[in-house]
Amino acid sequence: MDHTPVTDWINEAASAAEKQGSGDLLRVVLIVMFFGCILTAWFLLRGYRQKDD
């Protein structure tokens, strides 16, 4: 079986992830989830605003 650059890249990324850990990825995921929850709450709750016409 011939190795292609894609499989080499995947293997290198997997070995680098094992060495580095998931600290940076976890931080990014938590920040995106935080802002996503705020955006979702704003979008859902803006329809309940009372209009003073």
C-alpha atoms as a PDB file:
ATOM      1  CA  MET A   1       0.000   0.000   0.000  1.00  0.00           C
ATOM      2  CA  ASP A   2       1.434   3.341  -1.026  1.00  0.00           C
ATOM      3  CA  HIS A   3       1.453   6.227   1.385  1.00  0.00           C
ATOM      4  CA  THR A   4      -0.042   9.411   0.055  1.00  0.00           C
ATOM      5  CA  PRO A   5       0.655  12.877   1.458  1.00  0.00           C
ATOM      6  CA  VAL A   6      -2.884  12.988   2.883  1.00  0.00           C
ATOM      7  CA  THR A   7      -2.353   9.932   5.077  1.00  0.00           C
ATOM      8  CA  ASP A   8       1.056  11.224   6.146  1.00  0.00           C
ATOM      9  CA  TRP A   9      -0.506  14.536   7.139  1.00  0.00           C
ATOM     10  CA  ILE A  10      -3.255  12.786   9.111  1.00  0.00           C
ATOM     11  CA  ASN A  11      -0.710  10.638  10.931  1.00  0.00           C
ATOM     12  CA  GLU A  12       1.415  13.664  11.786  1.00  0.00           C
ATOM     13  CA  ALA A  13      -1.625  15.585  13.033  1.00  0.00           C
ATOM     14  CA  ALA A  14      -2.718  12.657  15.198  1.00  0.00           C
ATOM     15  CA  SER A  15       0.708  12.266  16.767  1.00  0.00           C
ATOM     16  CA  ALA A  16       0.972  16.027  17.371  1.00  0.00           C
ATOM     17  CA  ALA A  17      -2.454  16.056  19.031  1.00  0.00           C
ATOM     18  CA  GLU A  18      -1.363  13.300  21.397  1.00  0.00           C
ATOM     19  CA  LYS A  19       1.703  15.291  22.420  1.00  0.00           C
ATOM     20  CA  GLN A  20      -0.014  18.673  22.731  1.00  0.00           C
ATOM     21  CA  GLY A  21      -3.227  17.683  24.454  1.00  0.00           C
ATOM     22  CA  SER A  22      -6.622  19.256  24.016  1.00  0.00           C
ATOM     23  CA  GLY A  23      -6.134  22.500  25.950  1.00  0.00           C
ATOM     24  CA  ASP A  24      -6.300  24.928  23.035  1.00  0.00           C
ATOM     25  CA  LEU A  25      -9.075  23.059  21.263  1.00  0.00           C
ATOM     26  CA  LEU A  26     -11.141  22.854  24.432  1.00  0.00           C
ATOM     27  CA  ARG A  27     -10.681  26.573  25.056  1.00  0.00           C
ATOM     28  CA  VAL A  28     -11.877  27.431  21.544  1.00  0.00           C
ATOM     29  CA  VAL A  29     -14.873  25.096  21.808  1.00  0.00           C
ATOM     30  CA  LEU A  30     -15.917  26.608  25.146  1.00  0.00           C
ATOM     31  CA  ILE A  31     -15.633  30.178  23.855  1.00  0.00           C
ATOM     32  CA  VAL A  32     -17.670  29.360  20.735  1.00  0.00           C
ATOM     33  CA  MET A  33     -20.326  27.614  22.839  1.00  0.00           C
ATOM     34  CA  PHE A  34     -20.514  30.596  25.213  1.00  0.00           C
ATOM     35  CA  PHE A  35     -21.060  33.117  22.431  1.00  0.00           C
ATOM     36  CA  GLY A  36     -23.406  30.727  20.635  1.00  0.00           C
ATOM     37  CA  CYS A  37     -25.608  30.468  23.733  1.00  0.00           C
ATOM     38  CA  ILE A  38     -25.700  34.247  24.095  1.00  0.00           C
ATOM     39  CA  LEU A  39     -26.608  34.683  20.422  1.00  0.00           C
ATOM     40  CA  THR A  40     -29.303  32.002  20.619  1.00  0.00           C
ATOM     41  CA  ALA A  41     -30.813  33.524  23.772  1.00  0.00           C
ATOM     42  CA  TRP A  42     -30.854  36.984  22.174  1.00  0.00           C
ATOM     43  CA  PHE A  43     -32.477  35.626  19.007  1.00  0.00           C
ATOM     44  CA  LEU A  44     -35.180  33.726  20.918  1.00  0.00           C
ATOM     45  CA  LEU A  45     -35.920  36.405  23.506  1.00  0.00           C
ATOM     46  CA  ARG A  46     -36.076  39.388  21.139  1.00  0.00           C
ATOM     47  CA  GLY A  47     -39.529  38.298  20.012  1.00  0.00           C
ATOM     48  CA  TYR A  48     -40.908  38.698  23.552  1.00  0.00           C
ATOM     49  CA  ARG A  49     -40.060  42.396  23.740  1.00  0.00           C
ATOM     50  CA  GLN A  50     -43.007  44.688  24.474  1.00  0.00           C
ATOM     51  CA  LYS A  51     -43.604  47.421  21.925  1.00  0.00           C
ATOM     52  CA  ASP A  52     -44.715  50.822  23.235  1.00  0.00           C
ATOM     53  CA  ASP A  53     -46.563  52.009  20.139  1.00  0.00           C
END
